[in-house]
Amino acid sequence: MPDTVTRVVGRPTPHESARLHVTGQARYTDDLPLPPGSLHGWPVTSAHAHALIRVVDVSEASATPGVVTVLTREDVPGENNSGPLRHDEPLFLGAGDVATYHGQPVAWVLGTSVDAARQGASRVVVTY
């Protein structure tokens, strides 16, 4: 084997930010300031597995103070899918779809604050 492959075997390898992590000085995503006008998102997920979704009603969520929009299957142009090979992972479920697992995405509520988005998400009514 070339020396470049085996030179680290059995030896400690330094991590470039290890010192920052152990001293509490590392910066994480939540430490970064949000750009002005940023929105906060909160997911609405399926409460049931193997369940036919009959209706997704976002009217109450849309009327929630601080909610800017609610994204659903109807907002996805083109193919509503994120499965890279099998195309078996819809971005959002909608009326007529079957939730294959608990927690599968149905909608995303976008708001001016995390609290507004969370409150709006709690008002999305999914009928199974």
N, C-alpha and C. Protein backbone atom coordinates (compact mmCIF):
# COMPACT_ATOMS: atom_id res chain seq x y z
N MET A 1 0.84 -1.19 0.00
CA MET A 1 0.00 0.00 0.00
C MET A 1 0.88 1.24 0.00
N PRO A 2 0.41 2.27 -0.67
CA PRO A 2 1.17 3.52 -0.65
C PRO A 2 1.20 4.10 0.76
N ASP A 3 2.28 4.79 1.06
CA ASP A 3 2.45 5.39 2.38
C ASP A 3 1.34 6.38 2.70
N THR A 4 0.77 7.05 1.69
CA THR A 4 -0.29 8.04 1.95
C THR A 4 -1.53 7.39 2.54
N VAL A 5 -1.75 6.12 2.25
CA VAL A 5 -2.92 5.42 2.77
C VAL A 5 -2.67 4.91 4.18
N THR A 6 -1.50 4.40 4.46
CA THR A 6 -1.23 3.75 5.74
C THR A 6 -0.60 4.66 6.78
N ARG A 7 -0.25 5.86 6.43
CA ARG A 7 0.47 6.71 7.39
C ARG A 7 -0.37 7.10 8.61
N VAL A 8 -1.69 7.01 8.53
CA VAL A 8 -2.53 7.38 9.67
C VAL A 8 -3.02 6.17 10.46
N VAL A 9 -2.82 4.98 9.92
CA VAL A 9 -3.28 3.78 10.60
C VAL A 9 -2.53 3.62 11.92
N GLY A 10 -3.28 3.50 13.02
CA GLY A 10 -2.69 3.31 14.33
C GLY A 10 -2.16 4.57 14.97
N ARG A 11 -2.40 5.71 14.35
CA ARG A 11 -1.92 6.98 14.90
C ARG A 11 -3.09 7.93 15.13
N PRO A 12 -2.96 8.79 16.13
CA PRO A 12 -4.03 9.78 16.32
C PRO A 12 -4.05 10.76 15.15
N THR A 13 -5.24 11.12 14.74
CA THR A 13 -5.37 12.11 13.66
C THR A 13 -6.05 13.35 14.23
N PRO A 14 -5.39 14.48 14.13
CA PRO A 14 -5.97 15.70 14.70
C PRO A 14 -7.20 16.16 13.93
N HIS A 15 -8.13 16.69 14.65
CA HIS A 15 -9.34 17.26 14.06
C HIS A 15 -9.17 18.78 14.09
N GLU A 16 -9.37 19.42 12.96
CA GLU A 16 -9.03 20.84 12.86
C GLU A 16 -9.80 21.73 13.83
N SER A 17 -10.99 21.32 14.25
CA SER A 17 -11.74 22.19 15.17
C SER A 17 -11.94 21.56 16.56
N ALA A 18 -11.19 20.51 16.85
CA ALA A 18 -11.35 19.82 18.14
C ALA A 18 -11.13 20.76 19.32
N ARG A 19 -10.08 21.58 19.26
CA ARG A 19 -9.78 22.49 20.37
C ARG A 19 -10.95 23.46 20.58
N LEU A 20 -11.52 23.96 19.49
CA LEU A 20 -12.67 24.87 19.61
C LEU A 20 -13.86 24.16 20.25
N HIS A 21 -14.08 22.90 19.89
CA HIS A 21 -15.21 22.15 20.45
C HIS A 21 -15.05 21.94 21.95
N VAL A 22 -13.88 21.48 22.37
CA VAL A 22 -13.70 21.15 23.79
C VAL A 22 -13.58 22.38 24.68
N THR A 23 -13.30 23.54 24.09
CA THR A 23 -13.22 24.76 24.89
C THR A 23 -14.51 25.58 24.81
N GLY A 24 -15.48 25.09 24.05
CA GLY A 24 -16.75 25.80 23.93
C GLY A 24 -16.71 27.00 23.01
N GLN A 25 -15.67 27.11 22.21
CA GLN A 25 -15.53 28.26 21.32
C GLN A 25 -15.99 27.99 19.89
N ALA A 26 -16.34 26.74 19.57
CA ALA A 26 -16.77 26.41 18.21
C ALA A 26 -18.10 27.10 17.90
N ARG A 27 -18.27 27.51 16.65
CA ARG A 27 -19.53 28.13 16.23
C ARG A 27 -20.38 27.08 15.52
N TYR A 28 -21.62 27.02 15.90
CA TYR A 28 -22.56 26.09 15.30
C TYR A 28 -23.62 26.88 14.53
N THR A 29 -24.41 26.19 13.76
CA THR A 29 -25.43 26.84 12.94
C THR A 29 -26.33 27.74 13.77
N ASP A 30 -26.74 27.28 14.94
CA ASP A 30 -27.63 28.10 15.78
C ASP A 30 -26.94 29.33 16.35
N ASP A 31 -25.62 29.38 16.27
CA ASP A 31 -24.88 30.55 16.74
C ASP A 31 -24.84 31.67 15.71
N LEU A 32 -25.15 31.36 14.47
CA LEU A 32 -25.05 32.34 13.39
C LEU A 32 -26.30 33.22 13.35
N PRO A 33 -26.14 34.50 13.10
CA PRO A 33 -27.32 35.38 13.01
C PRO A 33 -28.10 35.08 11.73
N LEU A 34 -29.42 35.20 11.84
CA LEU A 34 -30.26 34.99 10.66
C LEU A 34 -30.22 36.23 9.77
N PRO A 35 -30.22 36.03 8.46
CA PRO A 35 -30.30 37.18 7.57
C PRO A 35 -31.64 37.89 7.76
N PRO A 36 -31.69 39.19 7.55
CA PRO A 36 -32.95 39.93 7.68
C PRO A 36 -34.02 39.34 6.76
N GLY A 37 -35.23 39.25 7.28
CA GLY A 37 -36.35 38.73 6.50
C GLY A 37 -36.44 37.22 6.45
N SER A 38 -35.59 36.53 7.20
CA SER A 38 -35.63 35.06 7.20
C SER A 38 -36.95 34.56 7.77
N LEU A 39 -37.40 33.44 7.24
CA LEU A 39 -38.60 32.79 7.76
C LEU A 39 -38.19 31.55 8.55
N HIS A 40 -39.07 31.13 9.43
CA HIS A 40 -38.85 29.93 10.22
C HIS A 40 -39.86 28.89 9.77
N GLY A 41 -39.43 27.64 9.69
CA GLY A 41 -40.32 26.58 9.24
C GLY A 41 -40.62 25.58 10.33
N TRP A 42 -41.82 25.02 10.28
CA TRP A 42 -42.21 23.96 11.20
C TRP A 42 -42.95 22.91 10.40
N PRO A 43 -42.56 21.63 10.52
CA PRO A 43 -43.21 20.60 9.71
C PRO A 43 -44.55 20.15 10.28
N VAL A 44 -45.40 19.72 9.38
CA VAL A 44 -46.63 19.02 9.74
C VAL A 44 -46.43 17.61 9.21
N THR A 45 -46.49 16.63 10.09
CA THR A 45 -46.21 15.26 9.67
C THR A 45 -47.41 14.36 9.93
N SER A 46 -47.41 13.24 9.25
CA SER A 46 -48.50 12.27 9.40
C SER A 46 -48.52 11.72 10.82
N ALA A 47 -49.70 11.70 11.40
CA ALA A 47 -49.86 11.17 12.75
C ALA A 47 -50.07 9.66 12.74
N HIS A 48 -50.22 9.09 11.55
CA HIS A 48 -50.51 7.65 11.43
C HIS A 48 -49.67 7.03 10.32
N ALA A 49 -49.39 5.75 10.48
CA ALA A 49 -48.74 4.99 9.42
C ALA A 49 -49.80 4.18 8.68
N HIS A 50 -49.54 3.91 7.43
CA HIS A 50 -50.45 3.10 6.60
C HIS A 50 -51.87 3.67 6.63
N ALA A 51 -51.97 4.99 6.47
CA ALA A 51 -53.27 5.66 6.57
C ALA A 51 -53.53 6.50 5.32
N LEU A 52 -54.75 6.39 4.81
CA LEU A 52 -55.17 7.19 3.66
C LEU A 52 -55.49 8.61 4.12
N ILE A 53 -54.84 9.58 3.51
CA ILE A 53 -55.13 10.98 3.83
C ILE A 53 -56.30 11.42 2.96
N ARG A 54 -57.36 11.88 3.61
CA ARG A 54 -58.56 12.30 2.88
C ARG A 54 -58.54 13.79 2.59
N VAL A 55 -58.15 14.60 3.58
CA VAL A 55 -58.16 16.06 3.43
C VAL A 55 -56.98 16.65 4.19
N VAL A 56 -56.36 17.67 3.60
CA VAL A 56 -55.36 18.49 4.30
C VAL A 56 -55.90 19.91 4.26
N ASP A 57 -56.38 20.40 5.41
CA ASP A 57 -56.98 21.73 5.49
C ASP A 57 -56.00 22.68 6.17
N VAL A 58 -55.53 23.67 5.40
CA VAL A 58 -54.54 24.62 5.93
C VAL A 58 -55.16 25.99 6.21
N SER A 59 -56.48 26.11 6.12
CA SER A 59 -57.12 27.43 6.24
C SER A 59 -56.86 28.08 7.60
N GLU A 60 -57.01 27.34 8.68
CA GLU A 60 -56.76 27.92 10.01
C GLU A 60 -55.29 28.27 10.19
N ALA A 61 -54.42 27.43 9.68
CA ALA A 61 -52.98 27.69 9.79
C ALA A 61 -52.61 28.95 9.03
N SER A 62 -53.17 29.12 7.84
CA SER A 62 -52.87 30.29 7.01
C SER A 62 -53.32 31.58 7.67
N ALA A 63 -54.37 31.50 8.49
CA ALA A 63 -54.91 32.69 9.16
C ALA A 63 -54.22 32.99 10.49
N THR A 64 -53.29 32.16 10.89
CA THR A 64 -52.58 32.34 12.16
C THR A 64 -51.65 33.56 12.08
N PRO A 65 -51.71 34.46 13.06
CA PRO A 65 -50.81 35.62 13.04
C PRO A 65 -49.34 35.19 12.95
N GLY A 66 -48.60 35.81 12.06
CA GLY A 66 -47.19 35.51 11.88
C GLY A 66 -46.90 34.43 10.86
N VAL A 67 -47.93 33.70 10.42
CA VAL A 67 -47.73 32.68 9.39
C VAL A 67 -47.72 33.37 8.03
N VAL A 68 -46.68 33.11 7.26
CA VAL A 68 -46.53 33.72 5.94
C VAL A 68 -47.16 32.84 4.87
N THR A 69 -46.89 31.54 4.95
CA THR A 69 -47.48 30.61 3.98
C THR A 69 -47.41 29.19 4.53
N VAL A 70 -48.20 28.33 3.93
CA VAL A 70 -48.16 26.90 4.25
C VAL A 70 -47.88 26.17 2.94
N LEU A 71 -46.79 25.43 2.91
CA LEU A 71 -46.41 24.70 1.71
C LEU A 71 -46.99 23.29 1.76
N THR A 72 -47.64 22.89 0.66
CA THR A 72 -48.22 21.56 0.56
C THR A 72 -47.84 20.96 -0.79
N ARG A 73 -48.34 19.78 -1.05
CA ARG A 73 -48.07 19.09 -2.31
C ARG A 73 -48.41 19.96 -3.51
N GLU A 74 -49.46 20.75 -3.41
CA GLU A 74 -49.90 21.59 -4.52
C GLU A 74 -48.88 22.68 -4.87
N ASP A 75 -47.97 22.97 -3.96
CA ASP A 75 -46.97 24.02 -4.19
C ASP A 75 -45.70 23.51 -4.86
N VAL A 76 -45.62 22.21 -5.09
CA VAL A 76 -44.42 21.63 -5.69
C VAL A 76 -44.59 21.56 -7.20
N PRO A 77 -43.80 22.34 -7.94
CA PRO A 77 -43.89 22.23 -9.40
C PRO A 77 -43.19 20.95 -9.87
N GLY A 78 -43.74 20.32 -10.86
CA GLY A 78 -43.12 19.10 -11.37
C GLY A 78 -43.35 17.93 -10.45
N GLU A 79 -42.36 17.04 -10.40
CA GLU A 79 -42.49 15.81 -9.63
C GLU A 79 -42.33 16.07 -8.14
N ASN A 80 -43.31 15.64 -7.37
CA ASN A 80 -43.32 15.80 -5.91
C ASN A 80 -42.55 14.63 -5.29
N ASN A 81 -41.23 14.61 -5.50
CA ASN A 81 -40.47 13.46 -5.06
C ASN A 81 -39.03 13.83 -4.76
N SER A 82 -38.49 13.22 -3.73
CA SER A 82 -37.09 13.46 -3.39
C SER A 82 -36.28 12.16 -3.35
N GLY A 83 -36.89 11.05 -3.74
CA GLY A 83 -36.16 9.78 -3.78
C GLY A 83 -35.17 9.79 -4.92
N PRO A 84 -33.87 9.66 -4.63
CA PRO A 84 -32.87 9.81 -5.68
C PRO A 84 -32.85 8.69 -6.72
N LEU A 85 -33.17 7.49 -6.34
CA LEU A 85 -33.11 6.37 -7.28
C LEU A 85 -34.47 5.78 -7.60
N ARG A 86 -35.23 5.47 -6.58
CA ARG A 86 -36.51 4.79 -6.79
C ARG A 86 -37.67 5.75 -6.94
N HIS A 87 -37.46 7.01 -6.66
CA HIS A 87 -38.54 8.01 -6.73
C HIS A 87 -39.74 7.56 -5.90
N ASP A 88 -39.45 7.17 -4.66
CA ASP A 88 -40.49 6.65 -3.79
C ASP A 88 -40.61 7.44 -2.49
N GLU A 89 -40.13 8.68 -2.50
CA GLU A 89 -40.18 9.50 -1.29
C GLU A 89 -40.77 10.87 -1.62
N PRO A 90 -42.11 10.99 -1.51
CA PRO A 90 -42.73 12.28 -1.83
C PRO A 90 -42.29 13.37 -0.86
N LEU A 91 -42.15 14.59 -1.38
CA LEU A 91 -41.82 15.72 -0.52
C LEU A 91 -42.95 15.99 0.46
N PHE A 92 -44.18 15.95 -0.05
CA PHE A 92 -45.38 16.18 0.76
C PHE A 92 -46.44 15.16 0.39
N LEU A 93 -47.21 14.73 1.38
CA LEU A 93 -48.39 13.92 1.12
C LEU A 93 -49.59 14.84 1.01
N GLY A 94 -50.59 14.41 0.25
CA GLY A 94 -51.81 15.19 0.13
C GLY A 94 -53.01 14.29 0.10
N ALA A 95 -54.17 14.88 -0.16
CA ALA A 95 -55.42 14.11 -0.22
C ALA A 95 -55.28 13.01 -1.27
N GLY A 96 -55.65 11.80 -0.87
CA GLY A 96 -55.57 10.65 -1.76
C GLY A 96 -54.30 9.85 -1.61
N ASP A 97 -53.31 10.39 -0.91
CA ASP A 97 -52.06 9.67 -0.69
C ASP A 97 -52.16 8.81 0.58
N VAL A 98 -51.35 7.78 0.62
CA VAL A 98 -51.27 6.92 1.80
C VAL A 98 -49.95 7.20 2.52
N ALA A 99 -50.06 7.56 3.79
CA ALA A 99 -48.86 7.75 4.61
C ALA A 99 -48.28 6.37 4.89
N THR A 100 -47.05 6.17 4.51
CA THR A 100 -46.44 4.85 4.73
C THR A 100 -45.80 4.74 6.11
N TYR A 101 -45.49 5.87 6.72
CA TYR A 101 -44.92 5.82 8.07
C TYR A 101 -45.36 7.03 8.88
N HIS A 102 -45.37 6.87 10.19
CA HIS A 102 -45.68 7.95 11.12
C HIS A 102 -44.58 9.00 11.00
N GLY A 103 -44.97 10.25 10.82
CA GLY A 103 -43.98 11.32 10.71
C GLY A 103 -43.65 11.70 9.28
N GLN A 104 -44.32 11.11 8.31
CA GLN A 104 -44.07 11.46 6.91
C GLN A 104 -44.57 12.88 6.65
N PRO A 105 -43.83 13.70 5.90
CA PRO A 105 -44.19 15.11 5.71
C PRO A 105 -45.51 15.30 4.96
N VAL A 106 -46.34 16.17 5.51
CA VAL A 106 -47.60 16.55 4.88
C VAL A 106 -47.54 18.02 4.44
N ALA A 107 -46.93 18.87 5.25
CA ALA A 107 -46.83 20.30 4.93
C ALA A 107 -45.70 20.92 5.73
N TRP A 108 -45.32 22.13 5.32
CA TRP A 108 -44.39 22.97 6.09
C TRP A 108 -45.04 24.32 6.28
N VAL A 109 -45.06 24.78 7.51
CA VAL A 109 -45.61 26.10 7.81
C VAL A 109 -44.43 27.06 7.97
N LEU A 110 -44.47 28.17 7.23
CA LEU A 110 -43.42 29.18 7.31
C LEU A 110 -43.96 30.41 8.00
N GLY A 111 -43.23 30.88 9.01
CA GLY A 111 -43.68 32.03 9.77
C GLY A 111 -42.56 32.99 10.08
N THR A 112 -42.94 34.14 10.62
CA THR A 112 -41.96 35.17 10.96
C THR A 112 -41.18 34.83 12.22
N SER A 113 -41.63 33.82 12.95
CA SER A 113 -40.91 33.34 14.14
C SER A 113 -41.15 31.84 14.26
N VAL A 114 -40.31 31.19 15.05
CA VAL A 114 -40.50 29.76 15.30
C VAL A 114 -41.85 29.53 15.95
N ASP A 115 -42.21 30.38 16.90
CA ASP A 115 -43.49 30.21 17.60
C ASP A 115 -44.67 30.33 16.64
N ALA A 116 -44.61 31.30 15.72
CA ALA A 116 -45.70 31.47 14.75
C ALA A 116 -45.80 30.25 13.85
N ALA A 117 -44.67 29.74 13.38
CA ALA A 117 -44.68 28.57 12.52
C ALA A 117 -45.21 27.35 13.27
N ARG A 118 -44.78 27.17 14.51
CA ARG A 118 -45.24 26.04 15.32
C ARG A 118 -46.74 26.14 15.59
N GLN A 119 -47.20 27.34 15.93
CA GLN A 119 -48.63 27.54 16.19
C GLN A 119 -49.44 27.25 14.93
N GLY A 120 -48.96 27.76 13.80
CA GLY A 120 -49.65 27.49 12.53
C GLY A 120 -49.69 26.01 12.22
N ALA A 121 -48.58 25.32 12.43
CA ALA A 121 -48.54 23.88 12.15
C ALA A 121 -49.54 23.12 13.01
N SER A 122 -49.75 23.57 14.23
CA SER A 122 -50.71 22.90 15.11
C SER A 122 -52.15 23.08 14.63
N ARG A 123 -52.36 24.02 13.70
CA ARG A 123 -53.71 24.30 13.20
C ARG A 123 -53.98 23.69 11.83
N VAL A 124 -53.00 22.99 11.27
CA VAL A 124 -53.26 22.25 10.03
C VAL A 124 -54.06 21.02 10.41
N VAL A 125 -55.18 20.81 9.73
CA VAL A 125 -56.05 19.68 10.04
C VAL A 125 -55.89 18.63 8.94
N VAL A 126 -55.40 17.46 9.33
CA VAL A 126 -55.25 16.34 8.40
C VAL A 126 -56.30 15.31 8.77
N THR A 127 -57.18 15.01 7.83
CA THR A 127 -58.23 14.02 8.05
C THR A 127 -57.83 12.72 7.37
N TYR A 128 -57.88 11.63 8.14
CA TYR A 128 -57.49 10.32 7.61
C TYR A 128 -58.72 9.48 7.36
